[in-house]
Amino acid sequence: MLNAKFVNYWHPKGREPLYYFSKTRDLQAKQVSWKRIKESKRTVFGPHFGKKDPSRIIYYRHLAFIPYFLRFGGQWYLEITPSYHFTSDGKVPSKFRESYLAGIKRIEKHESVRGNLEFWASFLTEQDLFSNSPLLTFAEPMSFTTDFGIAEKDWLTRVDEDEEQIATDANSTLVLL
């Protein structure tokens, strides 16, 4: 597993903080091995190229999460909200970050978000995020069953045509910037 020193913290004024995977030295894609049901790899950093000019890097995408530390019954918990961080050069936040984030959130489905959540849970339980000493460690995530929810296939069939066209247009525009 990757050492936690490759995870950065970013907290812009007036926005939610997040942890994200840092860039590679050569700005090439970085994959991390992890085990869900079987051994697999997840891309945690990488360049994204333009559709019109495939040699032009539009942005770099970093796998990220928004942390919420909560205390219940004298015990601390970390709520993980999977997200992404977008940079123009692997370090400087992209000025189109919000647009890129909105675009990917429109097209991501439940399984993708769940996979990112499970990846972060696996990553965090295998090491200490904040130092090389066991200052803060994480246990396996809590799980529970509920008797309610919305099946994704039902949700997707209710998207009206205007929303679908707006999402399609926004995603096309997003890449062409």
C-alpha atoms as a PDB file:
ATOM      1  CA  MET A   1       0.000   0.000   0.000  1.00  0.00           C
ATOM      2  CA  LEU A   2       1.077   3.557  -0.692  1.00  0.00           C
ATOM      3  CA  ASN A   3       2.594   5.575   2.144  1.00  0.00           C
ATOM      4  CA  ALA A   4       0.272   8.239   3.557  1.00  0.00           C
ATOM      5  CA  LYS A   5       2.869  10.953   2.956  1.00  0.00           C
ATOM      6  CA  PHE A   6       1.522  11.062  -0.602  1.00  0.00           C
ATOM      7  CA  VAL A   7      -1.763  12.528   0.619  1.00  0.00           C
ATOM      8  CA  ASN A   8      -2.100  16.327   0.819  1.00  0.00           C
ATOM      9  CA  TYR A   9      -4.484  18.594   2.694  1.00  0.00           C
ATOM     10  CA  TRP A  10      -6.132  21.633   1.094  1.00  0.00           C
ATOM     11  CA  HIS A  11      -8.463  24.081   2.823  1.00  0.00           C
ATOM     12  CA  PRO A  12      -9.291  27.124   0.720  1.00  0.00           C
ATOM     13  CA  LYS A  13     -10.911  30.050   2.488  1.00  0.00           C
ATOM     14  CA  GLY A  14     -14.695  29.711   2.547  1.00  0.00           C
ATOM     15  CA  ARG A  15     -14.731  26.135   1.202  1.00  0.00           C
ATOM     16  CA  GLU A  16     -14.688  22.639   2.601  1.00  0.00           C
ATOM     17  CA  PRO A  17     -11.276  21.150   3.320  1.00  0.00           C
ATOM     18  CA  LEU A  18     -10.179  18.008   1.556  1.00  0.00           C
ATOM     19  CA  TYR A  19      -7.455  15.410   1.473  1.00  0.00           C
ATOM     20  CA  TYR A  20      -6.189  14.397  -1.946  1.00  0.00           C
ATOM     21  CA  PHE A  21      -3.443  12.332  -3.541  1.00  0.00           C
ATOM     22  CA  SER A  22      -0.422  14.373  -4.549  1.00  0.00           C
ATOM     23  CA  LYS A  23       1.058  14.526  -8.017  1.00  0.00           C
ATOM     24  CA  THR A  24       3.808  12.258  -9.232  1.00  0.00           C
ATOM     25  CA  ARG A  25       7.241  13.718  -9.952  1.00  0.00           C
ATOM     26  CA  ASP A  26       6.841  13.149 -13.690  1.00  0.00           C
ATOM     27  CA  LEU A  27       3.107  14.073 -13.718  1.00  0.00           C
ATOM     28  CA  GLN A  28       2.222  10.596 -14.994  1.00  0.00           C
ATOM     29  CA  ALA A  29      -0.834   8.748 -13.707  1.00  0.00           C
ATOM     30  CA  LYS A  30      -0.523   7.130 -10.286  1.00  0.00           C
ATOM     31  CA  GLN A  31      -2.359   3.922  -9.431  1.00  0.00           C
ATOM     32  CA  VAL A  32      -2.727   2.351  -6.019  1.00  0.00           C
ATOM     33  CA  SER A  33      -3.358  -1.340  -5.425  1.00  0.00           C
ATOM     34  CA  TRP A  34      -6.040  -2.257  -2.937  1.00  0.00           C
ATOM     35  CA  LYS A  35      -8.318  -5.114  -2.126  1.00  0.00           C
ATOM     36  CA  ARG A  36     -12.074  -4.846  -2.272  1.00  0.00           C
ATOM     37  CA  ILE A  37     -13.462  -8.238  -3.200  1.00  0.00           C
ATOM     38  CA  LYS A  38     -10.379  -9.000  -5.240  1.00  0.00           C
ATOM     39  CA  GLU A  39      -7.052  -7.240  -5.764  1.00  0.00           C
ATOM     40  CA  SER A  40      -7.482  -4.209  -8.014  1.00  0.00           C
ATOM     41  CA  LYS A  41      -5.955  -0.835  -8.824  1.00  0.00           C
ATOM     42  CA  ARG A  42      -7.416   2.632  -8.629  1.00  0.00           C
ATOM     43  CA  THR A  43      -6.053   5.687 -10.414  1.00  0.00           C
ATOM     44  CA  VAL A  44      -5.565   8.333  -7.717  1.00  0.00           C
ATOM     45  CA  PHE A  45      -3.845  10.989  -9.834  1.00  0.00           C
ATOM     46  CA  GLY A  46      -3.564  11.596 -13.535  1.00  0.00           C
ATOM     47  CA  PRO A  47      -3.689  13.982 -16.452  1.00  0.00           C
ATOM     48  CA  HIS A  48      -6.817  14.460 -18.560  1.00  0.00           C
ATOM     49  CA  PHE A  49      -6.417  15.413 -22.182  1.00  0.00           C
ATOM     50  CA  GLY A  50      -8.541  17.552 -24.508  1.00  0.00           C
ATOM     51  CA  LYS A  51     -10.935  15.956 -26.978  1.00  0.00           C
ATOM     52  CA  LYS A  52     -10.038  18.332 -29.801  1.00  0.00           C
ATOM     53  CA  ASP A  53      -6.303  18.196 -29.079  1.00  0.00           C
ATOM     54  CA  PRO A  54      -5.407  14.863 -27.408  1.00  0.00           C
ATOM     55  CA  SER A  55      -1.850  16.083 -26.797  1.00  0.00           C
ATOM     56  CA  ARG A  56      -3.045  19.003 -24.635  1.00  0.00           C
ATOM     57  CA  ILE A  57      -3.491  18.404 -20.913  1.00  0.00           C
ATOM     58  CA  ILE A  58      -6.670  20.140 -19.759  1.00  0.00           C
ATOM     59  CA  TYR A  59      -6.267  19.365 -16.038  1.00  0.00           C
ATOM     60  CA  TYR A  60      -4.930  16.874 -13.532  1.00  0.00           C
ATOM     61  CA  ARG A  61      -7.456  14.964 -11.452  1.00  0.00           C
ATOM     62  CA  HIS A  62      -6.653  13.841  -7.906  1.00  0.00           C
ATOM     63  CA  LEU A  63      -8.809  11.383  -5.962  1.00  0.00           C
ATOM     64  CA  ALA A  64      -9.904  13.185  -2.793  1.00  0.00           C
ATOM     65  CA  PHE A  65     -12.283  13.162   0.135  1.00  0.00           C
ATOM     66  CA  ILE A  66     -13.914  15.768   2.331  1.00  0.00           C
ATOM     67  CA  PRO A  67     -13.395  14.921   6.019  1.00  0.00           C
ATOM     68  CA  TYR A  68     -15.981  15.466   8.744  1.00  0.00           C
ATOM     69  CA  PHE A  69     -14.891  14.490  12.238  1.00  0.00           C
ATOM     70  CA  LEU A  70     -17.885  13.760  14.449  1.00  0.00           C
ATOM     71  CA  ARG A  71     -18.153  12.745  18.097  1.00  0.00           C
ATOM     72  CA  PHE A  72     -20.851  10.367  19.332  1.00  0.00           C
ATOM     73  CA  GLY A  73     -20.962   8.889  22.823  1.00  0.00           C
ATOM     74  CA  GLY A  74     -17.411  10.003  23.613  1.00  0.00           C
ATOM     75  CA  GLN A  75     -16.049   8.307  20.476  1.00  0.00           C
ATOM     76  CA  TRP A  76     -14.649  10.120  17.419  1.00  0.00           C
ATOM     77  CA  TYR A  77     -15.722   9.129  13.907  1.00  0.00           C
ATOM     78  CA  LEU A  78     -14.613  10.247  10.485  1.00  0.00           C
ATOM     79  CA  GLU A  79     -17.265  10.758   7.848  1.00  0.00           C
ATOM     80  CA  ILE A  80     -15.727  10.404   4.381  1.00  0.00           C
ATOM     81  CA  THR A  81     -17.327  12.180   1.440  1.00  0.00           C
ATOM     82  CA  PRO A  82     -15.543  11.036  -1.743  1.00  0.00           C
ATOM     83  CA  SER A  83     -14.568  13.852  -4.064  1.00  0.00           C
ATOM     84  CA  TYR A  84     -11.915  15.026  -6.509  1.00  0.00           C
ATOM     85  CA  HIS A  85      -9.374  17.828  -6.639  1.00  0.00           C
ATOM     86  CA  PHE A  86      -8.455  19.413  -9.979  1.00  0.00           C
ATOM     87  CA  THR A  87      -5.172  21.173 -10.640  1.00  0.00           C
ATOM     88  CA  SER A  88      -3.672  22.924 -13.638  1.00  0.00           C
ATOM     89  CA  ASP A  89      -0.131  21.608 -13.113  1.00  0.00           C
ATOM     90  CA  GLY A  90      -0.475  18.908 -10.457  1.00  0.00           C
ATOM     91  CA  LYS A  91      -0.149  21.464  -7.675  1.00  0.00           C
ATOM     92  CA  VAL A  92      -2.008  24.731  -8.345  1.00  0.00           C
ATOM     93  CA  PRO A  93      -5.813  24.389  -8.122  1.00  0.00           C
ATOM     94  CA  SER A  94      -7.451  24.769 -11.521  1.00  0.00           C
ATOM     95  CA  LYS A  95      -9.514  27.915 -11.989  1.00  0.00           C
ATOM     96  CA  PHE A  96     -12.190  25.633 -13.487  1.00  0.00           C
ATOM     97  CA  ARG A  97     -12.138  23.284 -10.473  1.00  0.00           C
ATOM     98  CA  GLU A  98     -15.801  23.841  -9.561  1.00  0.00           C
ATOM     99  CA  SER A  99     -16.980  23.210 -13.130  1.00  0.00           C
ATOM    100  CA  TYR A 100     -14.945  20.020 -13.428  1.00  0.00           C
ATOM    101  CA  LEU A 101     -16.236  18.796 -10.067  1.00  0.00           C
ATOM    102  CA  ALA A 102     -19.853  19.540 -10.990  1.00  0.00           C
ATOM    103  CA  GLY A 103     -19.393  17.725 -14.307  1.00  0.00           C
ATOM    104  CA  ILE A 104     -17.975  14.543 -12.821  1.00  0.00           C
ATOM    105  CA  LYS A 105     -20.603  14.479 -10.081  1.00  0.00           C
ATOM    106  CA  ARG A 106     -23.347  14.645 -12.716  1.00  0.00           C
ATOM    107  CA  ILE A 107     -22.041  11.586 -14.545  1.00  0.00           C
ATOM    108  CA  GLU A 108     -20.872   9.443 -11.613  1.00  0.00           C
ATOM    109  CA  LYS A 109     -23.225   6.727 -10.525  1.00  0.00           C
ATOM    110  CA  HIS A 110     -23.737   5.173  -7.101  1.00  0.00           C
ATOM    111  CA  GLU A 111     -21.285   2.314  -7.692  1.00  0.00           C
ATOM    112  CA  SER A 112     -18.480   4.700  -8.581  1.00  0.00           C
ATOM    113  CA  VAL A 113     -19.019   6.801  -5.451  1.00  0.00           C
ATOM    114  CA  ARG A 114     -19.285   3.642  -3.347  1.00  0.00           C
ATOM    115  CA  GLY A 115     -16.054   2.316  -4.861  1.00  0.00           C
ATOM    116  CA  ASN A 116     -14.248   5.552  -3.986  1.00  0.00           C
ATOM    117  CA  LEU A 117     -15.628   5.417  -0.442  1.00  0.00           C
ATOM    118  CA  GLU A 118     -14.497   1.803  -0.025  1.00  0.00           C
ATOM    119  CA  PHE A 119     -11.081   2.661  -1.445  1.00  0.00           C
ATOM    120  CA  TRP A 120     -10.562   5.510   1.057  1.00  0.00           C
ATOM    121  CA  ALA A 121     -11.792   3.321   3.929  1.00  0.00           C
ATOM    122  CA  SER A 122      -9.306   0.623   2.922  1.00  0.00           C
ATOM    123  CA  PHE A 123      -6.481   3.137   2.508  1.00  0.00           C
ATOM    124  CA  LEU A 124      -7.121   4.816   5.865  1.00  0.00           C
ATOM    125  CA  THR A 125      -7.456   1.613   7.875  1.00  0.00           C
ATOM    126  CA  GLU A 126      -4.143   0.279   6.582  1.00  0.00           C
ATOM    127  CA  GLN A 127      -2.067   3.254   7.778  1.00  0.00           C
ATOM    128  CA  ASP A 128      -1.967   6.498   9.706  1.00  0.00           C
ATOM    129  CA  LEU A 129      -2.920   9.427   7.502  1.00  0.00           C
ATOM    130  CA  PHE A 130      -1.231  12.145   9.505  1.00  0.00           C
ATOM    131  CA  SER A 131       2.233  10.847  10.396  1.00  0.00           C
ATOM    132  CA  ASN A 132       4.456   7.802  10.409  1.00  0.00           C
ATOM    133  CA  SER A 133       3.652   7.177  14.065  1.00  0.00           C
ATOM    134  CA  PRO A 134       0.313   5.832  15.251  1.00  0.00           C
ATOM    135  CA  LEU A 135      -0.967   9.267  16.305  1.00  0.00           C
ATOM    136  CA  LEU A 136      -4.332   8.664  14.701  1.00  0.00           C
ATOM    137  CA  THR A 137      -5.552   5.364  13.324  1.00  0.00           C
ATOM    138  CA  PHE A 138      -8.849   4.253  11.874  1.00  0.00           C
ATOM    139  CA  ALA A 139     -10.882   1.106  12.483  1.00  0.00           C
ATOM    140  CA  GLU A 140     -12.932  -0.685   9.861  1.00  0.00           C
ATOM    141  CA  PRO A 141     -15.931   1.389   8.747  1.00  0.00           C
ATOM    142  CA  MET A 142     -19.255   0.939  10.445  1.00  0.00           C
ATOM    143  CA  SER A 143     -21.953  -0.607   8.317  1.00  0.00           C
ATOM    144  CA  PHE A 144     -25.667  -0.951   8.795  1.00  0.00           C
ATOM    145  CA  THR A 145     -28.759  -1.911   6.874  1.00  0.00           C
ATOM    146  CA  THR A 146     -31.757   0.319   6.300  1.00  0.00           C
ATOM    147  CA  ASP A 147     -35.201  -0.499   5.057  1.00  0.00           C
ATOM    148  CA  PHE A 148     -35.395   2.510   2.758  1.00  0.00           C
ATOM    149  CA  GLY A 149     -33.492   4.034  -0.134  1.00  0.00           C
ATOM    150  CA  ILE A 150     -33.763   4.885  -3.802  1.00  0.00           C
ATOM    151  CA  ALA A 151     -32.629   2.343  -6.360  1.00  0.00           C
ATOM    152  CA  GLU A 152     -30.350   4.074  -8.862  1.00  0.00           C
ATOM    153  CA  LYS A 153     -32.154   2.602 -11.858  1.00  0.00           C
ATOM    154  CA  ASP A 154     -35.420   4.139 -10.592  1.00  0.00           C
ATOM    155  CA  TRP A 155     -33.760   7.505 -10.022  1.00  0.00           C
ATOM    156  CA  LEU A 156     -32.213   7.573 -13.497  1.00  0.00           C
ATOM    157  CA  THR A 157     -35.500   6.785 -15.249  1.00  0.00           C
ATOM    158  CA  ARG A 158     -37.039   9.895 -13.677  1.00  0.00           C
ATOM    159  CA  VAL A 159     -34.492  12.371 -15.047  1.00  0.00           C
ATOM    160  CA  ASP A 160     -36.396  14.734 -17.278  1.00  0.00           C
ATOM    161  CA  GLU A 161     -35.175  15.361 -20.801  1.00  0.00           C
ATOM    162  CA  ASP A 162     -34.162  18.984 -20.113  1.00  0.00           C
ATOM    163  CA  GLU A 163     -31.967  17.956 -17.168  1.00  0.00           C
ATOM    164  CA  GLU A 164     -30.412  15.198 -19.238  1.00  0.00           C
ATOM    165  CA  GLN A 165     -29.629  17.649 -22.081  1.00  0.00           C
ATOM    166  CA  ILE A 166     -28.176  20.220 -19.650  1.00  0.00           C
ATOM    167  CA  ALA A 167     -25.936  17.536 -18.097  1.00  0.00           C
ATOM    168  CA  THR A 168     -24.841  16.333 -21.545  1.00  0.00           C
ATOM    169  CA  ASP A 169     -24.104  19.891 -22.738  1.00  0.00           C
ATOM    170  CA  ALA A 170     -22.249  20.761 -19.533  1.00  0.00           C
ATOM    171  CA  ASN A 171     -20.104  17.634 -19.777  1.00  0.00           C
ATOM    172  CA  SER A 172     -19.230  18.375 -23.405  1.00  0.00           C
ATOM    173  CA  THR A 173     -18.412  22.008 -22.632  1.00  0.00           C
ATOM    174  CA  LEU A 174     -16.432  21.017 -19.572  1.00  0.00           C
ATOM    175  CA  VAL A 175     -13.814  19.108 -21.534  1.00  0.00           C
ATOM    176  CA  LEU A 176     -13.477  21.692 -24.296  1.00  0.00           C
ATOM    177  CA  LEU A 177     -12.358  24.581 -22.054  1.00  0.00           C
END
